[in-house]
């Protein structure tokens, strides 16, 4: 018996990294998982892996370049299954070549990045609530970032977008609790996804780890574990929650590496 037996789940941007780990985790606990992604070939390959492991999965189109797929992917699942029990909003993006500090980020780039991140969460959640609030329980799990919790020297648009997702999650939680909707948010820190590892040198990673109290990058599966908690009855009395999975990043300060050096010197 799995914790999610007979549940219907949808995970956006779920062919790689955190989304992939979430899809596999939910399927391993008995949910039928809809892989919502742009690349159908990669989605089919993941579905085959899930089915080989004894799980259930199917494909539904989700494409950031076609905003109609935001509510559309939820509609498709509800039309096929009659309901949606779990919505995991994993999609998110940034562009380090356009997203800087306040003074140096163009308004046009700021608007693009903020809307790209927030709109997908808003529209999928909106459609799921409309479809499910009078039908049965719905668990929404949004993936934000510690960048939406703590200030940063750069990536202003991305951080603000993730902060907005945290606020949106809490709004959904209080507005629809009486209709059986639970909404919670997971805030990953630095996770060893393909996207991160392909863009960071070994030297940079080594230096970066000095800012993380647990002294390592997180794994996508560790985010998936947090998502499972919020998606399942383990969190049946939790809504509006914000869980940081960051190796303790927010516990330190800009001086944390210096304190470490002082400790080593005795």
Protein backbone atom coordinates (compact mmCIF):
# COMPACT_ATOMS: atom_id res chain seq x y z
CA UNK A 1 0.00 0.00 0.00
CA UNK A 2 1.34 3.38 -1.01
CA UNK A 3 0.56 6.69 0.66
CA UNK A 4 -1.01 7.98 -2.56
CA UNK A 5 -2.87 4.93 -3.84
CA UNK A 6 -5.60 5.85 -6.35
CA UNK A 7 -4.65 9.55 -6.33
CA UNK A 8 -4.38 11.58 -9.53
CA UNK A 9 -1.39 13.93 -9.63
CA UNK A 10 -0.03 16.46 -12.09
CA UNK A 11 3.57 17.72 -11.97
CA UNK A 12 4.64 20.59 -14.22
CA UNK A 13 8.07 20.70 -15.87
CA UNK A 14 8.65 17.14 -14.76
CA UNK A 15 11.10 15.53 -17.19
CA UNK A 16 14.27 16.73 -15.45
CA UNK A 17 15.69 17.68 -12.09
CA UNK A 18 13.31 18.36 -9.23
CA UNK A 19 10.17 17.82 -11.30
CA UNK A 20 11.35 14.42 -12.48
CA UNK A 21 12.20 13.35 -8.94
CA UNK A 22 8.76 14.50 -7.76
CA UNK A 23 6.97 12.57 -10.49
CA UNK A 24 8.89 9.40 -9.69
CA UNK A 25 8.33 9.78 -5.96
CA UNK A 26 4.57 10.31 -6.25
CA UNK A 27 4.24 7.40 -8.67
CA UNK A 28 6.24 5.14 -6.34
CA UNK A 29 3.65 5.85 -3.64
CA UNK A 30 0.74 4.80 -5.82
CA UNK A 31 -0.41 7.97 -7.58
CA UNK A 32 -1.12 8.10 -11.28
CA UNK A 33 1.14 10.95 -12.33
CA UNK A 34 0.60 13.21 -15.30
CA UNK A 35 3.90 14.41 -16.72
CA UNK A 36 3.18 18.00 -17.78
CA UNK A 37 5.99 19.11 -20.06
CA UNK A 38 6.89 20.50 -23.48
CA UNK A 39 9.14 17.68 -24.69
CA UNK A 40 6.86 14.75 -25.40
CA UNK A 41 9.69 12.37 -26.30
CA UNK A 42 11.44 12.91 -22.98
CA UNK A 43 8.09 12.65 -21.20
CA UNK A 44 7.35 9.30 -22.83
CA UNK A 45 10.76 8.01 -21.77
CA UNK A 46 10.04 8.98 -18.16
CA UNK A 47 6.59 7.40 -18.34
CA UNK A 48 8.21 4.16 -19.52
CA UNK A 49 10.61 4.26 -16.55
CA UNK A 50 7.77 4.82 -14.11
CA UNK A 51 5.71 2.00 -15.61
CA UNK A 52 8.71 -0.34 -15.58
CA UNK A 53 9.00 0.34 -11.84
CA UNK A 54 5.35 -0.62 -11.40
CA UNK A 55 3.84 2.88 -11.38
CA UNK A 56 1.29 4.69 -13.52
CA UNK A 57 1.93 7.81 -15.59
CA UNK A 58 0.63 9.68 -18.60
CA UNK A 59 1.57 12.73 -20.67
CA UNK A 60 -0.10 16.12 -20.87
CA UNK A 61 1.24 19.16 -22.69
CA UNK A 62 2.66 22.09 -20.72
CA UNK A 63 4.67 24.69 -22.63
CA UNK A 64 5.84 28.06 -21.30
CA UNK A 65 5.79 29.44 -24.84
CA UNK A 66 2.06 28.63 -25.08
CA UNK A 67 0.30 30.09 -22.06
CA UNK A 68 -2.96 28.35 -22.94
CA UNK A 69 -1.36 25.11 -21.73
CA UNK A 70 -1.21 26.44 -18.16
CA UNK A 71 -4.92 25.99 -17.47
CA UNK A 72 -5.13 23.58 -20.38
CA UNK A 73 -3.03 20.85 -18.80
CA UNK A 74 -5.27 20.84 -15.72
CA UNK A 75 -8.41 20.77 -17.86
CA UNK A 76 -7.04 17.81 -19.81
CA UNK A 77 -6.38 15.79 -16.66
CA UNK A 78 -9.80 16.55 -15.17
CA UNK A 79 -11.52 15.65 -18.44
CA UNK A 80 -9.70 12.32 -18.57
CA UNK A 81 -9.90 11.37 -14.89
CA UNK A 82 -12.88 13.32 -13.55
CA UNK A 83 -10.74 14.90 -10.86
CA UNK A 84 -7.28 16.07 -9.81
CA UNK A 85 -6.09 15.25 -6.30
CA UNK A 86 -2.54 16.65 -6.32
CA UNK A 87 -1.07 19.58 -8.24
CA UNK A 88 2.68 20.15 -8.05
CA UNK A 89 3.71 23.45 -9.63
CA UNK A 90 7.39 22.86 -10.30
CA UNK A 91 7.97 25.05 -13.36
CA UNK A 92 10.27 28.02 -12.88
CA UNK A 93 12.98 29.83 -14.81
CA UNK A 94 15.42 32.70 -14.75
CA UNK A 95 18.05 34.24 -16.98
CA UNK A 96 21.28 35.28 -15.28
CA UNK A 97 22.16 37.36 -18.32
CA UNK A 98 19.10 39.57 -17.79
CA UNK A 99 18.32 39.31 -14.07
CA UNK A 100 20.62 41.50 -11.97
CA UNK A 101 20.17 43.93 -9.08
CA UNK A 102 17.45 46.59 -8.95
CA UNK A 103 19.43 49.31 -10.72
CA UNK A 104 20.62 47.11 -13.58
CA UNK A 105 17.65 44.91 -14.48
CA UNK A 106 15.63 46.33 -17.35
CA UNK A 107 11.92 46.72 -16.64
CA UNK A 108 11.08 44.61 -19.69
CA UNK A 109 13.28 41.76 -18.46
CA UNK A 110 11.94 42.12 -14.93
CA UNK A 111 8.38 41.82 -16.18
CA UNK A 112 9.15 38.82 -18.39
CA UNK A 113 10.89 36.85 -15.63
CA UNK A 114 8.35 37.64 -12.92
CA UNK A 115 5.36 36.82 -15.09
CA UNK A 116 6.99 33.69 -16.51
CA UNK A 117 7.37 32.28 -13.01
CA UNK A 118 4.17 33.48 -11.36
CA UNK A 119 1.61 33.11 -14.12
CA UNK A 120 2.04 29.36 -14.57
CA UNK A 121 1.46 28.75 -10.85
CA UNK A 122 -1.49 31.13 -10.75
CA UNK A 123 -3.30 29.71 -13.78
CA UNK A 124 -2.81 26.03 -13.02
CA UNK A 125 -3.88 26.58 -9.41
CA UNK A 126 -6.87 28.66 -10.48
CA UNK A 127 -8.06 25.98 -12.89
CA UNK A 128 -7.55 23.19 -10.34
CA UNK A 129 -9.50 25.08 -7.67
CA UNK A 130 -12.35 25.82 -10.06
CA UNK A 131 -12.53 22.17 -11.05
CA UNK A 132 -12.14 20.63 -7.62
CA UNK A 133 -13.35 22.90 -4.82
CA UNK A 134 -16.89 21.47 -4.97
CA UNK A 135 -15.80 17.92 -5.81
CA UNK A 136 -13.25 16.79 -3.27
CA UNK A 137 -9.93 17.40 -1.52
CA UNK A 138 -7.11 19.01 -3.48
CA UNK A 139 -3.48 19.31 -2.40
CA UNK A 140 -1.49 22.04 -4.14
CA UNK A 141 2.28 21.97 -3.66
CA UNK A 142 4.16 24.90 -5.13
CA UNK A 143 7.91 24.94 -5.62
CA UNK A 144 9.39 28.33 -4.80
CA UNK A 145 12.98 28.95 -3.64
CA UNK A 146 14.98 30.24 -0.71
CA UNK A 147 15.59 33.11 -3.13
CA UNK A 148 12.02 34.14 -2.39
CA UNK A 149 12.68 34.18 1.36
CA UNK A 150 16.08 35.84 1.74
CA UNK A 151 17.46 38.98 0.05
CA UNK A 152 20.17 38.61 -2.56
CA UNK A 153 22.74 40.73 -4.35
CA UNK A 154 21.33 39.78 -7.76
CA UNK A 155 18.48 37.88 -9.49
CA UNK A 156 15.98 40.51 -8.34
CA UNK A 157 13.17 39.41 -10.65
CA UNK A 158 13.52 35.72 -9.85
CA UNK A 159 13.59 36.32 -6.10
CA UNK A 160 10.57 38.58 -6.20
CA UNK A 161 8.67 36.05 -8.34
CA UNK A 162 9.37 33.27 -5.85
CA UNK A 163 8.30 35.52 -2.97
CA UNK A 164 5.06 36.13 -4.84
CA UNK A 165 4.53 32.38 -5.17
CA UNK A 166 4.93 31.98 -1.42
CA UNK A 167 2.32 34.70 -0.86
CA UNK A 168 0.00 33.18 -3.48
CA UNK A 169 0.24 29.80 -1.77
CA UNK A 170 -0.81 31.29 1.55
CA UNK A 171 -3.69 33.16 -0.10
CA UNK A 172 -4.97 29.94 -1.67
CA UNK A 173 -4.63 28.19 1.68
CA UNK A 174 -6.82 30.66 3.55
CA UNK A 175 -9.30 31.34 0.75
CA UNK A 176 -10.17 27.72 -0.01
CA UNK A 177 -9.48 25.74 3.17
CA UNK A 178 -13.22 25.31 3.82
CA UNK A 179 -13.63 23.83 0.35
CA UNK A 180 -11.07 21.08 1.02
CA UNK A 181 -8.07 22.70 -0.66
CA UNK A 182 -4.69 22.54 1.06
CA UNK A 183 -1.84 24.64 -0.36
CA UNK A 184 1.76 24.50 0.78
CA UNK A 185 5.10 25.57 -0.64
CA UNK A 186 8.55 24.00 -0.72
CA UNK A 187 11.56 26.32 -0.96
CA UNK A 188 14.64 24.51 -2.27
CA UNK A 189 18.10 25.86 -1.70
CA UNK A 190 20.94 24.87 -4.03
CA UNK A 191 20.05 21.50 -5.56
CA UNK A 192 22.33 19.35 -7.71
CA UNK A 193 20.18 19.37 -10.83
CA UNK A 194 21.57 19.04 -14.35
CA UNK A 195 20.87 22.72 -14.97
CA UNK A 196 22.91 23.78 -11.94
CA UNK A 197 25.81 21.39 -12.38
CA UNK A 198 26.18 22.19 -16.08
CA UNK A 199 26.58 25.89 -15.31
CA UNK A 200 28.86 25.83 -12.26
CA UNK A 201 32.56 25.02 -12.25
CA UNK A 202 33.99 22.66 -9.64
CA UNK A 203 35.93 25.58 -8.18
CA UNK A 204 32.79 27.70 -7.89
CA UNK A 205 30.84 24.88 -6.24
CA UNK A 206 33.62 24.38 -3.68
CA UNK A 207 33.53 28.06 -2.77
CA UNK A 208 29.74 28.11 -2.78
CA UNK A 209 29.51 25.24 -0.29
CA UNK A 210 31.09 27.43 2.38
CA UNK A 211 27.79 29.32 2.56
CA UNK A 212 25.78 26.15 3.27
CA UNK A 213 25.92 24.90 6.88
CA UNK A 214 25.47 21.24 5.85
CA UNK A 215 28.35 21.74 3.39
CA UNK A 216 26.79 20.06 0.37
CA UNK A 217 24.29 20.57 -2.40
CA UNK A 218 20.87 19.03 -2.01
CA UNK A 219 19.57 16.21 -4.19
CA UNK A 220 16.35 16.41 -6.23
CA UNK A 221 15.04 13.41 -4.29
CA UNK A 222 15.25 15.41 -1.07
CA UNK A 223 12.88 18.00 -2.53
CA UNK A 224 10.62 15.18 -3.70
CA UNK A 225 10.42 13.89 -0.12
CA UNK A 226 9.16 17.28 1.05
CA UNK A 227 6.63 17.35 -1.79
CA UNK A 228 5.41 13.89 -0.82
CA UNK A 229 4.84 15.09 2.73
CA UNK A 230 2.64 17.96 1.56
CA UNK A 231 0.87 15.85 -1.08
CA UNK A 232 -0.04 13.03 1.29
CA UNK A 233 -2.10 12.61 4.44
CA UNK A 234 1.10 12.99 6.48
CA UNK A 235 0.32 16.72 6.26
CA UNK A 236 -3.46 16.46 6.53
CA UNK A 237 -3.52 19.24 9.17
CA UNK A 238 -1.07 21.50 7.34
CA UNK A 239 -1.98 24.30 4.95
CA UNK A 240 -0.20 27.55 4.17
CA UNK A 241 3.07 25.93 5.18
CA UNK A 242 6.49 27.01 3.92
CA UNK A 243 9.22 24.36 4.08
CA UNK A 244 12.82 25.27 3.35
CA UNK A 245 14.96 22.40 2.08
CA UNK A 246 18.27 24.16 1.85
CA UNK A 247 20.93 22.58 4.01
CA UNK A 248 20.45 25.40 6.48
CA UNK A 249 21.35 28.16 4.04
CA UNK A 250 19.06 30.68 5.71
CA UNK A 251 20.54 30.02 9.14
CA UNK A 252 23.87 31.54 8.27
CA UNK A 253 24.90 35.05 7.41
CA UNK A 254 27.33 36.59 4.92
CA UNK A 255 29.93 36.12 7.67
CA UNK A 256 29.34 32.37 8.01
CA UNK A 257 32.47 31.32 6.00
CA UNK A 258 34.57 33.67 8.16
CA UNK A 259 33.21 32.09 11.34
CA UNK A 260 34.15 28.67 9.96
CA UNK A 261 37.70 29.84 9.36
CA UNK A 262 37.91 31.25 12.88
CA UNK A 263 36.72 27.94 14.34
CA UNK A 264 39.41 26.03 12.45
CA UNK A 265 42.07 28.36 13.81
CA UNK A 266 40.93 27.60 17.34
